[in-house]
PDB file of all heavy atoms in Angstrom:
ATOM      1  N   VAL A   1      -3.562   4.035  -7.639  1.00  0.00           N
ATOM      2  CA  VAL A   1      -2.627   4.496  -8.623  1.00  0.00           C
ATOM      3  C   VAL A   1      -3.335   5.308  -9.750  1.00  0.00           C
ATOM      4  O   VAL A   1      -4.517   5.236  -9.887  1.00  0.00           O
ATOM      5  CB  VAL A   1      -1.743   3.376  -9.178  1.00  0.00           C
ATOM      6  CG1 VAL A   1      -0.976   2.682  -8.117  1.00  0.00           C
ATOM      7  CG2 VAL A   1      -2.649   2.328  -9.933  1.00  0.00           C
ATOM      8  N   ASN A   2      -2.494   5.985 -10.560  1.00  0.00           N
ATOM      9  CA  ASN A   2      -2.954   6.763 -11.665  1.00  0.00           C
ATOM     10  C   ASN A   2      -3.783   7.968 -11.248  1.00  0.00           C
ATOM     11  O   ASN A   2      -4.785   8.328 -11.904  1.00  0.00           O
ATOM     12  CB  ASN A   2      -3.720   5.934 -12.710  1.00  0.00           C
ATOM     13  CG  ASN A   2      -3.124   4.569 -13.001  1.00  0.00           C
ATOM     14  OD1 ASN A   2      -3.808   3.553 -13.027  1.00  0.00           O
ATOM     15  ND2 ASN A   2      -1.772   4.544 -13.241  1.00  0.00           N
ATOM     16  N   GLY A   3      -3.430   8.568 -10.055  1.00  0.00           N
ATOM     17  CA  GLY A   3      -4.097   9.779  -9.642  1.00  0.00           C
ATOM     18  C   GLY A   3      -5.463   9.609  -9.001  1.00  0.00           C
ATOM     19  O   GLY A   3      -6.326  10.445  -9.180  1.00  0.00           O
ATOM     20  N   CYS A   4      -5.638   8.574  -8.211  1.00  0.00           N
ATOM     21  CA  CYS A   4      -6.918   8.364  -7.508  1.00  0.00           C
ATOM     22  C   CYS A   4      -7.110   9.351  -6.349  1.00  0.00           C
ATOM     23  O   CYS A   4      -6.158   9.834  -5.752  1.00  0.00           O
ATOM     24  CB  CYS A   4      -6.945   6.947  -6.946  1.00  0.00           C
ATOM     25  SG  CYS A   4      -7.198   5.642  -8.198  1.00  0.00           S
ATOM     26  N   PHE A   5      -8.341   9.581  -6.005  1.00  0.00           N
ATOM     27  CA  PHE A   5      -8.730  10.259  -4.738  1.00  0.00           C
ATOM     28  C   PHE A   5      -9.040   9.140  -3.786  1.00  0.00           C
ATOM     29  O   PHE A   5     -10.079   8.500  -3.856  1.00  0.00           O
ATOM     30  CB  PHE A   5      -9.898  11.196  -4.952  1.00  0.00           C
ATOM     31  CG  PHE A   5     -10.239  12.016  -3.724  1.00  0.00           C
ATOM     32  CD1 PHE A   5      -9.452  13.111  -3.376  1.00  0.00           C
ATOM     33  CD2 PHE A   5     -11.280  11.683  -2.923  1.00  0.00           C
ATOM     34  CE1 PHE A   5      -9.776  13.865  -2.224  1.00  0.00           C
ATOM     35  CE2 PHE A   5     -11.594  12.390  -1.779  1.00  0.00           C
ATOM     36  CZ  PHE A   5     -10.844  13.504  -1.474  1.00  0.00           C
ATOM     37  N   SER A   6      -8.116   8.935  -2.825  1.00  0.00           N
ATOM     38  CA  SER A   6      -8.190   7.786  -1.930  1.00  0.00           C
ATOM     39  C   SER A   6      -8.324   8.236  -0.526  1.00  0.00           C
ATOM     40  O   SER A   6      -7.520   8.937   0.047  1.00  0.00           O
ATOM     41  CB  SER A   6      -6.926   6.932  -2.165  1.00  0.00           C
ATOM     42  OG  SER A   6      -6.790   5.910  -1.207  1.00  0.00           O
ATOM     43  N   VAL A   7      -9.408   7.759   0.190  1.00  0.00           N
ATOM     44  CA  VAL A   7      -9.594   8.044   1.609  1.00  0.00           C
ATOM     45  C   VAL A   7      -9.699   6.691   2.311  1.00  0.00           C
ATOM     46  O   VAL A   7     -10.530   5.837   1.962  1.00  0.00           O
ATOM     47  CB  VAL A   7     -10.842   8.867   1.820  1.00  0.00           C
ATOM     48  CG1 VAL A   7     -11.057   9.102   3.324  1.00  0.00           C
ATOM     49  CG2 VAL A   7     -10.792  10.180   1.096  1.00  0.00           C
ATOM     50  N   ASN A   8      -8.851   6.537   3.329  1.00  0.00           N
ATOM     51  CA  ASN A   8      -8.786   5.252   4.067  1.00  0.00           C
ATOM     52  C   ASN A   8      -8.870   5.505   5.582  1.00  0.00           C
ATOM     53  O   ASN A   8      -8.087   6.272   6.103  1.00  0.00           O
ATOM     54  CB  ASN A   8      -7.492   4.523   3.749  1.00  0.00           C
ATOM     55  CG  ASN A   8      -7.354   4.327   2.223  1.00  0.00           C
ATOM     56  OD1 ASN A   8      -7.943   3.409   1.643  1.00  0.00           O
ATOM     57  ND2 ASN A   8      -6.597   5.215   1.604  1.00  0.00           N
ATOM     58  N   TYR A   9      -9.882   4.912   6.197  1.00  0.00           N
ATOM     59  CA  TYR A   9     -10.100   5.205   7.646  1.00  0.00           C
ATOM     60  C   TYR A   9     -10.074   3.841   8.409  1.00  0.00           C
ATOM     61  O   TYR A   9     -10.723   2.872   8.099  1.00  0.00           O
ATOM     62  CB  TYR A   9     -11.502   5.815   7.830  1.00  0.00           C
ATOM     63  CG  TYR A   9     -11.818   6.039   9.304  1.00  0.00           C
ATOM     64  CD1 TYR A   9     -11.276   7.112   9.996  1.00  0.00           C
ATOM     65  CD2 TYR A   9     -12.717   5.186   9.978  1.00  0.00           C
ATOM     66  CE1 TYR A   9     -11.571   7.261  11.361  1.00  0.00           C
ATOM     67  CE2 TYR A   9     -13.024   5.346  11.309  1.00  0.00           C
ATOM     68  CZ  TYR A   9     -12.416   6.412  11.987  1.00  0.00           C
ATOM     69  OH  TYR A   9     -12.729   6.551  13.362  1.00  0.00           O
ATOM     70  N   ASP A  10      -9.240   3.850   9.446  1.00  0.00           N
ATOM     71  CA  ASP A  10      -9.153   2.719  10.388  1.00  0.00           C
ATOM     72  C   ASP A  10      -8.804   1.388   9.623  1.00  0.00           C
ATOM     73  O   ASP A  10      -9.350   0.363   9.914  1.00  0.00           O
ATOM     74  CB  ASP A  10     -10.471   2.566  11.171  1.00  0.00           C
ATOM     75  CG  ASP A  10     -10.279   1.743  12.427  1.00  0.00           C
ATOM     76  OD1 ASP A  10      -9.146   1.686  12.947  1.00  0.00           O
ATOM     77  OD2 ASP A  10     -11.267   1.172  12.901  1.00  0.00           O
ATOM     78  N   CYS A  11      -7.876   1.489   8.702  1.00  0.00           N
ATOM     79  CA  CYS A  11      -7.429   0.350   7.913  1.00  0.00           C
ATOM     80  C   CYS A  11      -6.078  -0.156   8.462  1.00  0.00           C
ATOM     81  O   CYS A  11      -5.277   0.653   8.933  1.00  0.00           O
ATOM     82  CB  CYS A  11      -7.349   0.675   6.442  1.00  0.00           C
ATOM     83  SG  CYS A  11      -8.908   1.061   5.667  1.00  0.00           S
ATOM     84  N   THR A  12      -5.831  -1.418   8.274  1.00  0.00           N
ATOM     85  CA  THR A  12      -4.603  -2.021   8.658  1.00  0.00           C
ATOM     86  C   THR A  12      -4.045  -2.884   7.530  1.00  0.00           C
ATOM     87  O   THR A  12      -4.751  -3.797   7.079  1.00  0.00           O
ATOM     88  CB  THR A  12      -4.759  -2.949   9.942  1.00  0.00           C
ATOM     89  OG1 THR A  12      -5.296  -2.120  10.981  1.00  0.00           O
ATOM     90  CG2 THR A  12      -3.420  -3.485  10.361  1.00  0.00           C
ATOM     91  N   MET A  13      -2.838  -2.542   7.079  1.00  0.00           N
ATOM     92  CA  MET A  13      -2.151  -3.347   6.032  1.00  0.00           C
ATOM     93  C   MET A  13      -0.844  -3.851   6.569  1.00  0.00           C
ATOM     94  O   MET A  13       0.019  -3.015   6.917  1.00  0.00           O
ATOM     95  CB  MET A  13      -1.953  -2.460   4.805  1.00  0.00           C
ATOM     96  CG  MET A  13      -3.304  -1.954   4.188  1.00  0.00           C
ATOM     97  SD  MET A  13      -4.261  -3.235   3.433  1.00  0.00           S
ATOM     98  CE  MET A  13      -5.933  -2.667   3.771  1.00  0.00           C
ATOM     99  N   TYR A  14      -0.666  -5.135   6.641  1.00  0.00           N
ATOM    100  CA  TYR A  14       0.554  -5.701   7.270  1.00  0.00           C
ATOM    101  C   TYR A  14       1.650  -5.866   6.238  1.00  0.00           C
ATOM    102  O   TYR A  14       1.839  -5.063   5.347  1.00  0.00           O
ATOM    103  CB  TYR A  14       0.167  -7.048   7.900  1.00  0.00           C
ATOM    104  CG  TYR A  14      -0.748  -6.923   9.103  1.00  0.00           C
ATOM    105  CD1 TYR A  14      -2.078  -7.244   8.960  1.00  0.00           C
ATOM    106  CD2 TYR A  14      -0.299  -6.499  10.324  1.00  0.00           C
ATOM    107  CE1 TYR A  14      -2.941  -7.125  10.059  1.00  0.00           C
ATOM    108  CE2 TYR A  14      -1.101  -6.390  11.441  1.00  0.00           C
ATOM    109  CZ  TYR A  14      -2.464  -6.701  11.266  1.00  0.00           C
ATOM    110  OH  TYR A  14      -3.357  -6.600  12.342  1.00  0.00           O
ATOM    111  N   ASP A  15       2.411  -6.961   6.346  1.00  0.00           N
ATOM    112  CA  ASP A  15       3.614  -7.139   5.510  1.00  0.00           C
ATOM    113  C   ASP A  15       3.308  -7.587   4.108  1.00  0.00           C
ATOM    114  O   ASP A  15       2.441  -8.363   3.846  1.00  0.00           O
ATOM    115  CB  ASP A  15       4.508  -8.182   6.184  1.00  0.00           C
ATOM    116  CG  ASP A  15       5.204  -7.575   7.420  1.00  0.00           C
ATOM    117  OD1 ASP A  15       5.851  -6.526   7.315  1.00  0.00           O
ATOM    118  OD2 ASP A  15       5.050  -8.190   8.480  1.00  0.00           O
ATOM    119  N   SER A  16       4.159  -7.075   3.214  1.00  0.00           N
ATOM    120  CA  SER A  16       4.199  -7.496   1.825  1.00  0.00           C
ATOM    121  C   SER A  16       5.183  -8.674   1.690  1.00  0.00           C
ATOM    122  O   SER A  16       6.191  -8.690   2.375  1.00  0.00           O
ATOM    123  CB  SER A  16       4.630  -6.372   0.899  1.00  0.00           C
ATOM    124  OG  SER A  16       5.005  -6.848  -0.351  1.00  0.00           O
ATOM    125  N   THR A  17       4.828  -9.606   0.807  1.00  0.00           N
ATOM    126  CA  THR A  17       5.746 -10.746   0.553  1.00  0.00           C
ATOM    127  C   THR A  17       6.688 -10.474  -0.604  1.00  0.00           C
ATOM    128  O   THR A  17       7.509 -11.348  -0.939  1.00  0.00           O
ATOM    129  CB  THR A  17       4.969 -12.051   0.275  1.00  0.00           C
ATOM    130  OG1 THR A  17       4.115 -11.819  -0.878  1.00  0.00           O
ATOM    131  CG2 THR A  17       4.072 -12.377   1.494  1.00  0.00           C
ATOM    132  N   ARG A  18       6.608  -9.276  -1.146  1.00  0.00           N
ATOM    133  CA  ARG A  18       7.515  -8.937  -2.295  1.00  0.00           C
ATOM    134  C   ARG A  18       8.978  -8.943  -1.767  1.00  0.00           C
ATOM    135  O   ARG A  18       9.264  -8.589  -0.617  1.00  0.00           O
ATOM    136  CB  ARG A  18       7.161  -7.581  -2.786  1.00  0.00           C
ATOM    137  CG  ARG A  18       7.739  -7.269  -4.173  1.00  0.00           C
ATOM    138  CD  ARG A  18       6.976  -6.121  -4.820  1.00  0.00           C
ATOM    139  NE  ARG A  18       7.477  -5.806  -6.134  1.00  0.00           N
ATOM    140  CZ  ARG A  18       7.194  -6.477  -7.229  1.00  0.00           C
ATOM    141  NH1 ARG A  18       6.434  -7.564  -7.156  1.00  0.00           N
ATOM    142  NH2 ARG A  18       7.676  -6.128  -8.414  1.00  0.00           N
ATOM    143  N   VAL A  19       9.913  -9.306  -2.624  1.00  0.00           N
ATOM    144  CA  VAL A  19      11.308  -9.490  -2.222  1.00  0.00           C
ATOM    145  C   VAL A  19      11.864  -8.173  -1.746  1.00  0.00           C
ATOM    146  O   VAL A  19      12.498  -8.065  -0.658  1.00  0.00           O
ATOM    147  CB  VAL A  19      12.125 -10.111  -3.325  1.00  0.00           C
ATOM    148  CG1 VAL A  19      13.611 -10.163  -2.903  1.00  0.00           C
ATOM    149  CG2 VAL A  19      11.613 -11.528  -3.668  1.00  0.00           C
ATOM    150  N   ALA A  20      11.811  -7.129  -2.542  1.00  0.00           N
ATOM    151  CA  ALA A  20      12.376  -5.858  -2.212  1.00  0.00           C
ATOM    152  C   ALA A  20      11.819  -4.760  -3.144  1.00  0.00           C
ATOM    153  O   ALA A  20      11.084  -4.990  -4.017  1.00  0.00           O
ATOM    154  CB  ALA A  20      13.902  -5.910  -2.395  1.00  0.00           C
ATOM    155  N   GLY A  21      12.207  -3.485  -2.868  1.00  0.00           N
ATOM    156  CA  GLY A  21      11.850  -2.371  -3.701  1.00  0.00           C
ATOM    157  C   GLY A  21      10.766  -1.511  -3.081  1.00  0.00           C
ATOM    158  O   GLY A  21      10.246  -1.786  -2.016  1.00  0.00           O
ATOM    159  N   ASN A  22      10.542  -0.327  -3.746  1.00  0.00           N
ATOM    160  CA  ASN A  22       9.608   0.656  -3.130  1.00  0.00           C
ATOM    161  C   ASN A  22       8.128   0.147  -3.184  1.00  0.00           C
ATOM    162  O   ASN A  22       7.302   0.718  -2.505  1.00  0.00           O
ATOM    163  CB  ASN A  22       9.759   1.983  -3.844  1.00  0.00           C
ATOM    164  CG  ASN A  22       9.329   1.900  -5.323  1.00  0.00           C
ATOM    165  OD1 ASN A  22       9.115   0.857  -5.874  1.00  0.00           O
ATOM    166  ND2 ASN A  22       9.255   3.077  -5.968  1.00  0.00           N
ATOM    167  N   THR A  23       7.854  -0.882  -3.945  1.00  0.00           N
ATOM    168  CA  THR A  23       6.517  -1.452  -3.928  1.00  0.00           C
ATOM    169  C   THR A  23       6.346  -2.542  -2.862  1.00  0.00           C
ATOM    170  O   THR A  23       5.296  -3.166  -2.785  1.00  0.00           O
ATOM    171  CB  THR A  23       6.098  -2.006  -5.286  1.00  0.00           C
ATOM    172  OG1 THR A  23       7.068  -2.938  -5.716  1.00  0.00           O
ATOM    173  CG2 THR A  23       6.021  -0.813  -6.283  1.00  0.00           C
ATOM    174  N   LYS A  24       7.348  -2.777  -2.064  1.00  0.00           N
ATOM    175  CA  LYS A  24       7.211  -3.674  -0.866  1.00  0.00           C
ATOM    176  C   LYS A  24       6.678  -2.755   0.237  1.00  0.00           C
ATOM    177  O   LYS A  24       7.433  -2.303   1.080  1.00  0.00           O
ATOM    178  CB  LYS A  24       8.539  -4.316  -0.485  1.00  0.00           C
ATOM    179  CG  LYS A  24       8.417  -5.352   0.618  1.00  0.00           C
ATOM    180  CD  LYS A  24       9.797  -5.954   0.892  1.00  0.00           C
ATOM    181  CE  LYS A  24       9.742  -6.925   2.075  1.00  0.00           C
ATOM    182  NZ  LYS A  24       8.841  -8.050   1.855  1.00  0.00           N
ATOM    183  N   SER A  25       5.400  -2.507   0.232  1.00  0.00           N
ATOM    184  CA  SER A  25       4.837  -1.441   0.988  1.00  0.00           C
ATOM    185  C   SER A  25       3.409  -1.799   1.470  1.00  0.00           C
ATOM    186  O   SER A  25       2.684  -2.511   0.795  1.00  0.00           O
ATOM    187  CB  SER A  25       4.761  -0.174   0.179  1.00  0.00           C
ATOM    188  OG  SER A  25       4.266   0.898   0.886  1.00  0.00           O
TER     189      SER A  25
END
Protein backbone atom coordinates (compact mmCIF):
# COMPACT_ATOMS: atom_id res chain seq x y z
CA VAL A 1 0.00 0.00 0.00
CA ASN A 2 0.81 3.71 -0.28
CA GLY A 3 2.20 3.41 -3.81
CA CYS A 4 4.66 0.52 -3.54
CA PHE A 5 6.51 -1.04 -6.46
CA SER A 6 5.51 -4.65 -5.86
CA VAL A 7 6.70 -7.70 -7.83
CA ASN A 8 5.42 -11.13 -6.83
CA TYR A 9 6.48 -14.36 -8.55
CA ASP A 10 5.03 -17.84 -7.99
CA CYS A 11 3.22 -16.76 -4.80
CA THR A 12 0.03 -18.29 -3.40
CA MET A 13 -2.36 -16.44 -1.09
CA TYR A 14 -5.41 -18.37 0.08
CA ASP A 15 -8.54 -17.27 1.97
CA SER A 16 -8.92 -14.25 4.20
CA THR A 17 -10.80 -14.67 7.48
CA ARG A 18 -12.13 -11.11 7.29
CA VAL A 19 -15.94 -10.99 7.46
CA ALA A 20 -16.57 -8.97 4.28
CA GLY A 21 -15.49 -5.99 2.18
CA ASN A 22 -12.94 -5.17 -0.50
CA THR A 23 -10.08 -5.98 1.88
CA LYS A 24 -11.25 -9.60 2.14
CA SER A 25 -8.74 -10.34 -0.57
